[in-house]
Amino acid sequence: MIRFEHVSKRYANGGDALKDISFTLEAGEIAFVTGHSGAGKSTLLKLIAGIEKPSRGQALVNGQNLARLSRRRLPYYRRGIGIIFQDHKLLPELSVADNVALPLVVAGHHGPEVGRRVRAALDKVGLLGKERSTPQALSGGEQQRVGIARALVARPPLLLADEPTGNLDPELSREVMRLFRDFNQVGVAVLIASHDHALIEEMDARTLTLHAGSLVSDV
């Protein structure tokens, strides 16, 4: 699923965001990436998502070499990945249903199948009945669940989440993590960047720890 071999990322200002990172995430596995602010968690996810490219080393996702991924192929590559952001990135002018449907529309799906899959995704996150609401009418926790539904509506084999509980209270955070665990149990690989150590311990999952861009622990 994901294989990093001695991957580094250096930005134009000369700063090393990641240094000599090697790890493998198997299909259907769940794991956390943790570390202090600026440790490289978001950069790691951006590499996997194709938002950034590695400076050195080999990064493979679903058999594709990320360093060789062309701009033309990038949209097709991303169809195999669901991405959840801390700030949701919902479009305020669209309804909940239309926000969730976006990955399907971009992929060329249309007709009744889109509606069925959107309702199924919202049902999984407990928001069936909110299809016509706007994002502004929802609570922070509900907005995050809309983001999760959008990431999963296209049924990707890999889910990336960047600090998905950073703005949520402890109970809502546990609820979101239970959703991730549920999706993982039906075969979705999940990689979550988080600094919430108490929540990570509760999940009892593999944890990759970054420090100053280096992978210092994988347990």
N, C-alpha and C. Protein backbone atom coordinates (compact mmCIF):
# COMPACT_ATOMS: atom_id res chain seq x y z
N MET A 1 0.84 -1.20 0.00
CA MET A 1 0.00 0.00 0.00
C MET A 1 0.88 1.26 0.00
N ILE A 2 1.65 1.47 1.12
CA ILE A 2 2.59 2.60 1.19
C ILE A 2 3.97 2.04 1.54
N ARG A 3 4.97 2.43 0.78
CA ARG A 3 6.35 2.05 1.11
C ARG A 3 7.27 3.25 0.91
N PHE A 4 7.88 3.70 1.98
CA PHE A 4 8.88 4.77 1.94
C PHE A 4 10.25 4.15 2.18
N GLU A 5 11.19 4.45 1.30
CA GLU A 5 12.56 3.97 1.44
C GLU A 5 13.51 5.16 1.42
N HIS A 6 14.02 5.52 2.60
CA HIS A 6 14.99 6.61 2.76
C HIS A 6 14.50 7.90 2.11
N VAL A 7 13.25 8.25 2.42
CA VAL A 7 12.63 9.44 1.83
C VAL A 7 12.98 10.68 2.64
N SER A 8 13.37 11.73 1.92
CA SER A 8 13.62 13.04 2.54
C SER A 8 12.87 14.10 1.76
N LYS A 9 12.50 15.17 2.45
CA LYS A 9 11.87 16.31 1.81
C LYS A 9 12.55 17.58 2.26
N ARG A 10 13.16 18.28 1.31
CA ARG A 10 13.80 19.57 1.59
C ARG A 10 13.08 20.65 0.81
N TYR A 11 12.73 21.73 1.50
CA TYR A 11 12.05 22.84 0.84
C TYR A 11 13.06 23.83 0.28
N ALA A 12 12.57 24.73 -0.54
CA ALA A 12 13.44 25.66 -1.25
C ALA A 12 14.25 26.55 -0.30
N ASN A 13 13.72 26.78 0.89
CA ASN A 13 14.46 27.61 1.86
C ASN A 13 15.60 26.86 2.54
N GLY A 14 15.78 25.59 2.15
CA GLY A 14 16.87 24.80 2.71
C GLY A 14 16.50 23.98 3.93
N GLY A 15 15.26 24.12 4.41
CA GLY A 15 14.84 23.37 5.59
C GLY A 15 14.47 21.94 5.25
N ASP A 16 14.90 21.01 6.08
CA ASP A 16 14.56 19.60 5.90
C ASP A 16 13.32 19.27 6.72
N ALA A 17 12.20 19.04 6.03
CA ALA A 17 10.96 18.69 6.73
C ALA A 17 10.94 17.22 7.10
N LEU A 18 11.55 16.36 6.26
CA LEU A 18 11.65 14.93 6.53
C LEU A 18 13.07 14.48 6.18
N LYS A 19 13.59 13.55 7.00
CA LYS A 19 14.96 13.09 6.81
C LYS A 19 15.03 11.57 6.84
N ASP A 20 15.33 10.97 5.71
CA ASP A 20 15.64 9.54 5.63
C ASP A 20 14.56 8.67 6.27
N ILE A 21 13.32 8.86 5.83
CA ILE A 21 12.18 8.14 6.40
C ILE A 21 11.96 6.82 5.66
N SER A 22 11.87 5.73 6.41
CA SER A 22 11.56 4.42 5.83
C SER A 22 10.48 3.74 6.67
N PHE A 23 9.40 3.33 6.04
CA PHE A 23 8.36 2.55 6.70
C PHE A 23 7.43 1.97 5.65
N THR A 24 6.63 1.00 6.06
CA THR A 24 5.63 0.38 5.18
C THR A 24 4.30 0.33 5.90
N LEU A 25 3.24 0.70 5.20
CA LEU A 25 1.88 0.53 5.69
C LEU A 25 1.18 -0.43 4.75
N GLU A 26 0.76 -1.57 5.29
CA GLU A 26 0.13 -2.60 4.46
C GLU A 26 -1.32 -2.25 4.17
N ALA A 27 -1.86 -2.85 3.12
CA ALA A 27 -3.28 -2.69 2.80
C ALA A 27 -4.12 -3.14 4.00
N GLY A 28 -5.11 -2.34 4.37
CA GLY A 28 -5.99 -2.68 5.48
C GLY A 28 -5.42 -2.42 6.86
N GLU A 29 -4.26 -1.77 6.95
CA GLU A 29 -3.65 -1.49 8.25
C GLU A 29 -4.05 -0.10 8.73
N ILE A 30 -4.06 0.11 10.04
CA ILE A 30 -4.30 1.42 10.62
C ILE A 30 -3.09 1.83 11.45
N ALA A 31 -2.70 3.10 11.35
CA ALA A 31 -1.54 3.57 12.10
C ALA A 31 -1.66 5.07 12.33
N PHE A 32 -0.97 5.54 13.38
CA PHE A 32 -0.90 6.96 13.69
C PHE A 32 0.49 7.48 13.37
N VAL A 33 0.55 8.78 13.01
CA VAL A 33 1.82 9.51 12.91
C VAL A 33 1.75 10.61 13.96
N THR A 34 2.69 10.62 14.88
CA THR A 34 2.67 11.62 15.93
C THR A 34 4.03 12.30 16.04
N GLY A 35 4.08 13.33 16.89
CA GLY A 35 5.30 14.10 17.06
C GLY A 35 4.96 15.53 17.38
N HIS A 36 5.95 16.31 17.77
CA HIS A 36 5.73 17.70 18.16
C HIS A 36 5.30 18.52 16.94
N SER A 37 4.80 19.73 17.19
CA SER A 37 4.45 20.63 16.10
C SER A 37 5.69 20.93 15.26
N GLY A 38 5.59 20.73 13.94
CA GLY A 38 6.74 20.94 13.06
C GLY A 38 7.61 19.71 12.89
N ALA A 39 7.19 18.57 13.45
CA ALA A 39 8.01 17.35 13.36
C ALA A 39 8.01 16.75 11.96
N GLY A 40 7.00 17.10 11.13
CA GLY A 40 6.95 16.57 9.77
C GLY A 40 5.71 15.75 9.48
N LYS A 41 4.75 15.73 10.41
CA LYS A 41 3.55 14.90 10.23
C LYS A 41 2.77 15.30 8.97
N SER A 42 2.48 16.60 8.86
CA SER A 42 1.69 17.05 7.71
C SER A 42 2.45 16.88 6.41
N THR A 43 3.75 17.09 6.44
CA THR A 43 4.56 16.90 5.22
C THR A 43 4.50 15.46 4.76
N LEU A 44 4.56 14.53 5.70
CA LEU A 44 4.49 13.11 5.36
C LEU A 44 3.17 12.81 4.65
N LEU A 45 2.06 13.31 5.19
CA LEU A 45 0.77 13.07 4.55
C LEU A 45 0.68 13.77 3.19
N LYS A 46 1.27 14.95 3.08
CA LYS A 46 1.25 15.66 1.80
C LYS A 46 2.01 14.89 0.72
N LEU A 47 3.09 14.23 1.10
CA LEU A 47 3.82 13.41 0.14
C LEU A 47 2.93 12.26 -0.34
N ILE A 48 2.27 11.59 0.59
CA ILE A 48 1.42 10.46 0.24
C ILE A 48 0.25 10.91 -0.64
N ALA A 49 -0.28 12.11 -0.35
CA ALA A 49 -1.42 12.63 -1.11
C ALA A 49 -1.01 13.20 -2.46
N GLY A 50 0.29 13.31 -2.71
CA GLY A 50 0.74 13.88 -3.98
C GLY A 50 0.73 15.39 -4.00
N ILE A 51 0.54 16.03 -2.84
CA ILE A 51 0.58 17.49 -2.76
C ILE A 51 2.02 17.98 -2.84
N GLU A 52 2.94 17.22 -2.28
CA GLU A 52 4.38 17.49 -2.37
C GLU A 52 5.08 16.27 -2.97
N LYS A 53 6.29 16.48 -3.47
CA LYS A 53 7.08 15.36 -3.98
C LYS A 53 8.35 15.20 -3.15
N PRO A 54 8.81 13.96 -2.97
CA PRO A 54 10.02 13.75 -2.19
C PRO A 54 11.25 14.36 -2.88
N SER A 55 12.20 14.81 -2.07
CA SER A 55 13.46 15.33 -2.61
C SER A 55 14.45 14.21 -2.87
N ARG A 56 14.42 13.20 -2.00
CA ARG A 56 15.31 12.05 -2.15
C ARG A 56 14.58 10.80 -1.70
N GLY A 57 15.08 9.65 -2.11
CA GLY A 57 14.50 8.38 -1.70
C GLY A 57 13.36 7.95 -2.61
N GLN A 58 12.77 6.83 -2.27
CA GLN A 58 11.68 6.27 -3.07
C GLN A 58 10.41 6.17 -2.23
N ALA A 59 9.33 6.79 -2.74
CA ALA A 59 8.03 6.73 -2.08
C ALA A 59 7.04 6.08 -3.03
N LEU A 60 6.50 4.94 -2.63
CA LEU A 60 5.55 4.20 -3.45
C LEU A 60 4.21 4.11 -2.73
N VAL A 61 3.13 4.39 -3.44
CA VAL A 61 1.78 4.25 -2.92
C VAL A 61 0.95 3.53 -3.97
N ASN A 62 0.37 2.42 -3.58
CA ASN A 62 -0.39 1.60 -4.53
C ASN A 62 0.42 1.28 -5.78
N GLY A 63 1.72 1.06 -5.57
CA GLY A 63 2.60 0.69 -6.67
C GLY A 63 3.08 1.84 -7.53
N GLN A 64 2.66 3.06 -7.22
CA GLN A 64 3.06 4.21 -8.02
C GLN A 64 4.19 4.98 -7.34
N ASN A 65 5.21 5.32 -8.12
CA ASN A 65 6.35 6.08 -7.62
C ASN A 65 5.96 7.55 -7.60
N LEU A 66 5.88 8.14 -6.40
CA LEU A 66 5.38 9.50 -6.27
C LEU A 66 6.29 10.52 -6.91
N ALA A 67 7.59 10.26 -6.97
CA ALA A 67 8.51 11.20 -7.60
C ALA A 67 8.28 11.30 -9.11
N ARG A 68 7.71 10.26 -9.68
CA ARG A 68 7.48 10.24 -11.13
C ARG A 68 6.03 10.51 -11.51
N LEU A 69 5.23 10.89 -10.54
CA LEU A 69 3.80 11.11 -10.79
C LEU A 69 3.62 12.44 -11.52
N SER A 70 3.11 12.38 -12.74
CA SER A 70 2.94 13.59 -13.54
C SER A 70 1.71 14.36 -13.09
N ARG A 71 1.67 15.64 -13.43
CA ARG A 71 0.51 16.47 -13.11
C ARG A 71 -0.76 15.92 -13.74
N ARG A 72 -0.62 15.33 -14.92
CA ARG A 72 -1.78 14.78 -15.64
C ARG A 72 -2.34 13.56 -14.92
N ARG A 73 -1.45 12.76 -14.33
CA ARG A 73 -1.89 11.52 -13.66
C ARG A 73 -2.35 11.76 -12.23
N LEU A 74 -2.03 12.92 -11.66
CA LEU A 74 -2.31 13.16 -10.25
C LEU A 74 -3.78 13.01 -9.89
N PRO A 75 -4.73 13.58 -10.66
CA PRO A 75 -6.15 13.41 -10.28
C PRO A 75 -6.58 11.94 -10.24
N TYR A 76 -6.07 11.13 -11.15
CA TYR A 76 -6.42 9.71 -11.17
C TYR A 76 -5.82 8.99 -9.96
N TYR A 77 -4.58 9.36 -9.62
CA TYR A 77 -3.93 8.78 -8.45
C TYR A 77 -4.73 9.08 -7.18
N ARG A 78 -5.20 10.34 -7.05
CA ARG A 78 -5.88 10.75 -5.82
C ARG A 78 -7.25 10.11 -5.66
N ARG A 79 -7.79 9.53 -6.72
CA ARG A 79 -9.08 8.86 -6.59
C ARG A 79 -8.99 7.65 -5.68
N GLY A 80 -7.78 7.14 -5.46
CA GLY A 80 -7.59 6.00 -4.58
C GLY A 80 -7.32 6.40 -3.14
N ILE A 81 -7.42 7.70 -2.83
CA ILE A 81 -7.11 8.19 -1.49
C ILE A 81 -8.22 9.11 -1.01
N GLY A 82 -8.69 8.89 0.22
CA GLY A 82 -9.59 9.82 0.88
C GLY A 82 -8.79 10.68 1.83
N ILE A 83 -8.99 11.99 1.79
CA ILE A 83 -8.20 12.92 2.61
C ILE A 83 -9.13 13.71 3.51
N ILE A 84 -8.81 13.73 4.82
CA ILE A 84 -9.59 14.46 5.80
C ILE A 84 -8.69 15.54 6.42
N PHE A 85 -9.17 16.77 6.39
CA PHE A 85 -8.40 17.90 6.88
C PHE A 85 -8.92 18.36 8.24
N GLN A 86 -8.03 18.95 9.04
CA GLN A 86 -8.43 19.44 10.35
C GLN A 86 -9.48 20.53 10.23
N ASP A 87 -9.36 21.41 9.22
CA ASP A 87 -10.29 22.52 9.07
C ASP A 87 -11.42 22.21 8.09
N HIS A 88 -11.65 20.94 7.85
CA HIS A 88 -12.78 20.42 7.07
C HIS A 88 -12.71 20.72 5.57
N LYS A 89 -12.42 21.99 5.21
CA LYS A 89 -12.37 22.42 3.80
C LYS A 89 -13.67 22.11 3.05
N LEU A 90 -14.79 22.34 3.73
CA LEU A 90 -16.08 22.22 3.07
C LEU A 90 -16.38 23.52 2.31
N LEU A 91 -17.09 23.40 1.20
CA LEU A 91 -17.46 24.58 0.41
C LEU A 91 -18.75 25.16 0.97
N PRO A 92 -18.71 26.39 1.51
CA PRO A 92 -19.88 26.93 2.22
C PRO A 92 -21.09 27.17 1.33
N GLU A 93 -20.87 27.36 0.03
CA GLU A 93 -21.99 27.64 -0.86
C GLU A 93 -22.73 26.37 -1.30
N LEU A 94 -22.19 25.21 -0.95
CA LEU A 94 -22.81 23.94 -1.33
C LEU A 94 -23.49 23.30 -0.13
N SER A 95 -24.52 22.51 -0.39
CA SER A 95 -25.17 21.75 0.67
C SER A 95 -24.25 20.64 1.15
N VAL A 96 -24.63 20.03 2.26
CA VAL A 96 -23.89 18.87 2.77
C VAL A 96 -23.80 17.79 1.71
N ALA A 97 -24.93 17.47 1.07
CA ALA A 97 -24.94 16.42 0.05
C ALA A 97 -24.01 16.75 -1.10
N ASP A 98 -24.02 18.00 -1.55
CA ASP A 98 -23.18 18.39 -2.68
C ASP A 98 -21.70 18.38 -2.30
N ASN A 99 -21.39 18.74 -1.06
CA ASN A 99 -19.99 18.65 -0.61
C ASN A 99 -19.52 17.20 -0.63
N VAL A 100 -20.35 16.30 -0.12
CA VAL A 100 -19.96 14.88 -0.07
C VAL A 100 -19.86 14.30 -1.48
N ALA A 101 -20.69 14.77 -2.39
CA ALA A 101 -20.72 14.23 -3.75
C ALA A 101 -19.53 14.66 -4.60
N LEU A 102 -18.79 15.67 -4.18
CA LEU A 102 -17.74 16.24 -5.03
C LEU A 102 -16.76 15.21 -5.60
N PRO A 103 -16.20 14.30 -4.78
CA PRO A 103 -15.26 13.32 -5.36
C PRO A 103 -15.89 12.47 -6.46
N LEU A 104 -17.18 12.15 -6.33
CA LEU A 104 -17.85 11.36 -7.35
C LEU A 104 -18.06 12.16 -8.62
N VAL A 105 -18.44 13.42 -8.47
CA VAL A 105 -18.65 14.29 -9.63
C VAL A 105 -17.34 14.50 -10.38
N VAL A 106 -16.26 14.76 -9.64
CA VAL A 106 -14.95 14.95 -10.27
C VAL A 106 -14.51 13.70 -11.02
N ALA A 107 -14.88 12.52 -10.49
CA ALA A 107 -14.50 11.26 -11.12
C ALA A 107 -15.42 10.90 -12.30
N GLY A 108 -16.44 11.73 -12.55
CA GLY A 108 -17.29 11.51 -13.71
C GLY A 108 -18.56 10.73 -13.45
N HIS A 109 -18.88 10.47 -12.19
CA HIS A 109 -20.12 9.77 -11.87
C HIS A 109 -21.30 10.74 -11.93
N HIS A 110 -22.47 10.22 -12.26
CA HIS A 110 -23.65 11.07 -12.32
C HIS A 110 -24.90 10.19 -12.18
N GLY A 111 -26.04 10.86 -12.01
CA GLY A 111 -27.30 10.14 -11.93
C GLY A 111 -27.61 9.63 -10.53
N PRO A 112 -28.60 8.74 -10.43
CA PRO A 112 -29.08 8.25 -9.13
C PRO A 112 -28.00 7.58 -8.29
N GLU A 113 -26.98 6.99 -8.92
CA GLU A 113 -25.92 6.31 -8.17
C GLU A 113 -25.21 7.28 -7.24
N VAL A 114 -25.02 8.53 -7.68
CA VAL A 114 -24.36 9.52 -6.83
C VAL A 114 -25.17 9.75 -5.56
N GLY A 115 -26.48 9.95 -5.73
CA GLY A 115 -27.33 10.18 -4.57
C GLY A 115 -27.33 9.01 -3.61
N ARG A 116 -27.36 7.80 -4.14
CA ARG A 116 -27.34 6.61 -3.28
C ARG A 116 -26.06 6.53 -2.47
N ARG A 117 -24.94 6.79 -3.13
CA ARG A 117 -23.66 6.68 -2.42
C ARG A 117 -23.48 7.81 -1.41
N VAL A 118 -23.98 8.99 -1.73
CA VAL A 118 -23.89 10.10 -0.78
C VAL A 118 -24.72 9.79 0.46
N ARG A 119 -25.93 9.29 0.28
CA ARG A 119 -26.77 8.95 1.43
C ARG A 119 -26.15 7.84 2.26
N ALA A 120 -25.55 6.86 1.59
CA ALA A 120 -24.91 5.77 2.32
C ALA A 120 -23.74 6.28 3.14
N ALA A 121 -22.95 7.20 2.56
CA ALA A 121 -21.80 7.75 3.28
C ALA A 121 -22.25 8.58 4.49
N LEU A 122 -23.30 9.39 4.30
CA LEU A 122 -23.80 10.19 5.42
C LEU A 122 -24.42 9.31 6.49
N ASP A 123 -25.03 8.23 6.10
CA ASP A 123 -25.60 7.29 7.07
C ASP A 123 -24.50 6.69 7.93
N LYS A 124 -23.37 6.37 7.32
CA LYS A 124 -22.26 5.77 8.07
C LYS A 124 -21.71 6.70 9.14
N VAL A 125 -21.78 8.01 8.89
CA VAL A 125 -21.24 8.96 9.87
C VAL A 125 -22.36 9.59 10.72
N GLY A 126 -23.58 9.04 10.61
CA GLY A 126 -24.67 9.48 11.46
C GLY A 126 -25.30 10.80 11.08
N LEU A 127 -25.22 11.18 9.80
CA LEU A 127 -25.76 12.47 9.37
C LEU A 127 -26.83 12.35 8.30
N LEU A 128 -27.42 11.18 8.17
CA LEU A 128 -28.51 11.04 7.21
C LEU A 128 -29.66 11.94 7.67
N GLY A 129 -30.19 12.72 6.76
CA GLY A 129 -31.21 13.71 7.11
C GLY A 129 -30.68 15.12 7.10
N LYS A 130 -29.34 15.27 7.00
CA LYS A 130 -28.72 16.59 6.95
C LYS A 130 -28.30 16.97 5.53
N GLU A 131 -28.76 16.22 4.54
CA GLU A 131 -28.29 16.42 3.17
C GLU A 131 -28.45 17.85 2.67
N ARG A 132 -29.55 18.49 3.04
CA ARG A 132 -29.84 19.83 2.49
C ARG A 132 -29.29 20.96 3.35
N SER A 133 -28.72 20.62 4.49
CA SER A 133 -28.15 21.65 5.36
C SER A 133 -26.90 22.26 4.72
N THR A 134 -26.55 23.46 5.13
CA THR A 134 -25.29 24.06 4.72
C THR A 134 -24.25 23.78 5.80
N PRO A 135 -22.97 23.79 5.46
CA PRO A 135 -21.95 23.54 6.48
C PRO A 135 -22.04 24.48 7.67
N GLN A 136 -22.42 25.75 7.42
CA GLN A 136 -22.47 26.72 8.51
C GLN A 136 -23.53 26.37 9.54
N ALA A 137 -24.54 25.59 9.15
CA ALA A 137 -25.62 25.22 10.06
C ALA A 137 -25.25 24.05 10.96
N LEU A 138 -24.07 23.47 10.75
CA LEU A 138 -23.66 22.29 11.50
C LEU A 138 -22.68 22.65 12.60
N SER A 139 -22.60 21.79 13.60
CA SER A 139 -21.58 21.95 14.64
C SER A 139 -20.22 21.56 14.09
N GLY A 140 -19.16 21.85 14.84
CA GLY A 140 -17.81 21.48 14.41
C GLY A 140 -17.67 19.99 14.22
N GLY A 141 -18.24 19.22 15.14
CA GLY A 141 -18.16 17.77 15.03
C GLY A 141 -18.91 17.25 13.82
N GLU A 142 -20.07 17.86 13.54
CA GLU A 142 -20.83 17.44 12.36
C GLU A 142 -20.09 17.79 11.07
N GLN A 143 -19.46 18.96 11.04
CA GLN A 143 -18.68 19.33 9.86
C GLN A 143 -17.54 18.34 9.63
N GLN A 144 -16.90 17.92 10.72
CA GLN A 144 -15.82 16.96 10.57
C GLN A 144 -16.34 15.65 10.01
N ARG A 145 -17.51 15.23 10.45
CA ARG A 145 -18.09 13.99 9.94
C ARG A 145 -18.50 14.12 8.47
N VAL A 146 -18.92 15.32 8.06
CA VAL A 146 -19.18 15.54 6.63
C VAL A 146 -17.88 15.36 5.84
N GLY A 147 -16.78 15.89 6.39
CA GLY A 147 -15.48 15.71 5.74
C GLY A 147 -15.09 14.25 5.63
N ILE A 148 -15.41 13.47 6.64
CA ILE A 148 -15.12 12.04 6.61
C ILE A 148 -15.99 11.35 5.55
N ALA A 149 -17.27 11.71 5.51
CA ALA A 149 -18.16 11.13 4.50
C ALA A 149 -17.67 11.45 3.09
N ARG A 150 -17.22 12.68 2.88
CA ARG A 150 -16.70 13.07 1.56
C ARG A 150 -15.46 12.26 1.21
N ALA A 151 -14.61 12.03 2.19
CA ALA A 151 -13.38 11.27 1.92
C ALA A 151 -13.66 9.82 1.58
N LEU A 152 -14.78 9.29 2.08
CA LEU A 152 -15.07 7.86 1.93
C LEU A 152 -16.10 7.54 0.85
N VAL A 153 -16.77 8.57 0.30
CA VAL A 153 -17.87 8.30 -0.61
C VAL A 153 -17.43 7.56 -1.87
N ALA A 154 -16.18 7.78 -2.30
CA ALA A 154 -15.67 7.11 -3.49
C ALA A 154 -15.07 5.75 -3.17
N ARG A 155 -15.18 5.33 -1.92
CA ARG A 155 -14.71 4.01 -1.46
C ARG A 155 -13.21 3.80 -1.76
N PRO A 156 -12.37 4.73 -1.31
CA PRO A 156 -10.93 4.58 -1.55
C PRO A 156 -10.33 3.50 -0.65
N PRO A 157 -9.27 2.85 -1.08
CA PRO A 157 -8.62 1.85 -0.23
C PRO A 157 -7.73 2.45 0.84
N LEU A 158 -7.45 3.77 0.74
CA LEU A 158 -6.54 4.43 1.68
C LEU A 158 -7.18 5.73 2.16
N LEU A 159 -7.14 5.93 3.48
CA LEU A 159 -7.67 7.14 4.10
C LEU A 159 -6.56 7.84 4.87
N LEU A 160 -6.37 9.15 4.58
CA LEU A 160 -5.40 9.97 5.29
C LEU A 160 -6.15 11.02 6.10
N ALA A 161 -5.76 11.23 7.34
CA ALA A 161 -6.42 12.22 8.19
C ALA A 161 -5.36 13.06 8.89
N ASP A 162 -5.39 14.38 8.68
CA ASP A 162 -4.41 15.28 9.25
C ASP A 162 -5.02 16.01 10.45
N GLU A 163 -4.64 15.63 11.65
CA GLU A 163 -5.16 16.19 12.91
C GLU A 163 -6.69 16.29 12.87
N PRO A 164 -7.38 15.19 12.62
CA PRO A 164 -8.84 15.24 12.44
C PRO A 164 -9.63 15.58 13.69
N THR A 165 -8.99 15.50 14.86
CA THR A 165 -9.72 15.80 16.10
C THR A 165 -9.17 17.03 16.80
N GLY A 166 -8.35 17.81 16.12
CA GLY A 166 -7.67 18.93 16.75
C GLY A 166 -8.60 19.99 17.31
N ASN A 167 -9.79 20.16 16.71
CA ASN A 167 -10.73 21.18 17.16
C ASN A 167 -11.94 20.61 17.88
N LEU A 168 -11.87 19.34 18.28
CA LEU A 168 -13.02 18.68 18.86
C LEU A 168 -12.80 18.39 20.34
N ASP A 169 -13.90 18.30 21.09
CA ASP A 169 -13.78 17.94 22.50
C ASP A 169 -13.50 16.44 22.61
N PRO A 170 -13.11 15.97 23.80
CA PRO A 170 -12.68 14.56 23.93
C PRO A 170 -13.71 13.55 23.47
N GLU A 171 -14.99 13.75 23.78
CA GLU A 171 -16.00 12.77 23.40
C GLU A 171 -16.19 12.73 21.89
N LEU A 172 -16.23 13.90 21.24
CA LEU A 172 -16.34 13.93 19.78
C LEU A 172 -15.10 13.32 19.14
N SER A 173 -13.94 13.54 19.76
CA SER A 173 -12.70 12.96 19.23
C SER A 173 -12.78 11.44 19.25
N ARG A 174 -13.27 10.89 20.34
CA ARG A 174 -13.43 9.43 20.42
C ARG A 174 -14.41 8.92 19.37
N GLU A 175 -15.47 9.68 19.14
CA GLU A 175 -16.47 9.29 18.15
C GLU A 175 -15.86 9.22 16.75
N VAL A 176 -15.04 10.24 16.41
CA VAL A 176 -14.39 10.25 15.11
C VAL A 176 -13.43 9.08 14.99
N MET A 177 -12.68 8.81 16.04
CA MET A 177 -11.73 7.70 16.00
C MET A 177 -12.45 6.36 15.88
N ARG A 178 -13.62 6.23 16.50
CA ARG A 178 -14.39 5.00 16.34
C ARG A 178 -14.82 4.80 14.89
N LEU A 179 -15.13 5.91 14.22
CA LEU A 179 -15.48 5.83 12.80
C LEU A 179 -14.29 5.30 11.99
N PHE A 180 -13.11 5.84 12.29
CA PHE A 180 -11.91 5.37 11.57
C PHE A 180 -11.69 3.88 11.81
N ARG A 181 -11.88 3.46 13.04
CA ARG A 181 -11.70 2.04 13.36
C ARG A 181 -12.72 1.19 12.62
N ASP A 182 -13.96 1.66 12.54
CA ASP A 182 -14.99 0.92 11.82
C ASP A 182 -14.64 0.76 10.35
N PHE A 183 -14.16 1.84 9.73
CA PHE A 183 -13.80 1.77 8.31
C PHE A 183 -12.60 0.85 8.11
N ASN A 184 -11.65 0.91 9.04
CA ASN A 184 -10.49 0.03 8.94
C ASN A 184 -10.89 -1.43 9.03
N GLN A 185 -11.90 -1.73 9.82
CA GLN A 185 -12.32 -3.12 10.00
C GLN A 185 -12.98 -3.70 8.75
N VAL A 186 -13.36 -2.85 7.80
CA VAL A 186 -13.89 -3.36 6.53
C VAL A 186 -12.85 -3.25 5.41
N GLY A 187 -11.57 -3.08 5.79
CA GLY A 187 -10.49 -3.18 4.82
C GLY A 187 -9.85 -1.91 4.36
N VAL A 188 -10.27 -0.74 4.87
CA VAL A 188 -9.67 0.52 4.47
C VAL A 188 -8.38 0.75 5.27
N ALA A 189 -7.28 1.03 4.60
CA ALA A 189 -6.04 1.41 5.29
C ALA A 189 -6.19 2.85 5.77
N VAL A 190 -5.75 3.11 7.00
CA VAL A 190 -5.95 4.43 7.61
C VAL A 190 -4.63 4.92 8.21
N LEU A 191 -4.24 6.15 7.86
CA LEU A 191 -3.05 6.77 8.43
C LEU A 191 -3.47 8.13 8.98
N ILE A 192 -3.31 8.31 10.30
CA ILE A 192 -3.82 9.48 11.00
C ILE A 192 -2.66 10.24 11.64
N ALA A 193 -2.52 11.52 11.30
CA ALA A 193 -1.56 12.39 11.97
C ALA A 193 -2.24 13.02 13.17
N SER A 194 -1.65 12.87 14.35
CA SER A 194 -2.28 13.40 15.56
C SER A 194 -1.22 13.64 16.63
N HIS A 195 -1.48 14.67 17.45
CA HIS A 195 -0.62 14.91 18.61
C HIS A 195 -1.33 14.56 19.92
N ASP A 196 -2.53 13.97 19.80
CA ASP A 196 -3.33 13.62 20.97
C ASP A 196 -2.88 12.26 21.51
N HIS A 197 -1.90 12.26 22.39
CA HIS A 197 -1.30 11.01 22.85
C HIS A 197 -2.29 10.15 23.64
N ALA A 198 -3.15 10.79 24.42
CA ALA A 198 -4.12 10.02 25.21
C ALA A 198 -5.07 9.26 24.29
N LEU A 199 -5.50 9.91 23.22
CA LEU A 199 -6.42 9.27 22.28
C LEU A 199 -5.71 8.15 21.51
N ILE A 200 -4.46 8.37 21.16
CA ILE A 200 -3.69 7.35 20.46
C ILE A 200 -3.54 6.11 21.34
N GLU A 201 -3.27 6.31 22.62
CA GLU A 201 -3.14 5.18 23.54
C GLU A 201 -4.46 4.41 23.65
N GLU A 202 -5.57 5.13 23.65
CA GLU A 202 -6.88 4.46 23.71
C GLU A 202 -7.11 3.59 22.48
N MET A 203 -6.64 4.05 21.33
CA MET A 203 -6.86 3.31 20.09
C MET A 203 -5.98 2.06 20.01
N ASP A 204 -4.84 2.07 20.74
CA ASP A 204 -3.96 0.91 20.79
C ASP A 204 -3.58 0.43 19.38
N ALA A 205 -3.08 1.36 18.57
CA ALA A 205 -2.70 1.05 17.18
C ALA A 205 -1.22 1.35 16.98
N ARG A 206 -0.68 0.87 15.91
CA ARG A 206 0.71 1.16 15.54
C ARG A 206 0.93 2.67 15.49
N THR A 207 2.07 3.12 16.00
CA THR A 207 2.35 4.56 16.07
C THR A 207 3.75 4.84 15.53
N LEU A 208 3.81 5.73 14.53
CA LEU A 208 5.07 6.23 13.99
C LEU A 208 5.33 7.59 14.62
N THR A 209 6.47 7.74 15.28
CA THR A 209 6.79 8.99 15.97
C THR A 209 7.90 9.73 15.23
N LEU A 210 7.61 10.99 14.89
CA LEU A 210 8.58 11.84 14.21
C LEU A 210 9.16 12.85 15.18
N HIS A 211 10.44 13.16 15.00
CA HIS A 211 11.08 14.22 15.77
C HIS A 211 12.03 14.96 14.83
N ALA A 212 11.75 16.25 14.65
CA ALA A 212 12.59 17.10 13.79
C ALA A 212 12.78 16.47 12.41
N GLY A 213 11.73 15.85 11.90
CA GLY A 213 11.77 15.31 10.56
C GLY A 213 12.28 13.87 10.43
N SER A 214 12.73 13.30 11.54
CA SER A 214 13.24 11.93 11.52
C SER A 214 12.26 10.99 12.19
N LEU A 215 12.19 9.76 11.69
CA LEU A 215 11.36 8.74 12.31
C LEU A 215 12.15 8.11 13.44
N VAL A 216 11.70 8.37 14.68
CA VAL A 216 12.47 7.92 15.85
C VAL A 216 11.87 6.70 16.52
N SER A 217 10.62 6.35 16.16
CA SER A 217 9.98 5.19 16.77
C SER A 217 8.89 4.66 15.84
N ASP A 218 8.74 3.34 15.80
CA ASP A 218 7.68 2.68 15.03
C ASP A 218 7.25 1.46 15.83
N VAL A 219 6.18 1.64 16.63
CA VAL A 219 5.75 0.57 17.53
C VAL A 219 4.26 0.32 17.40
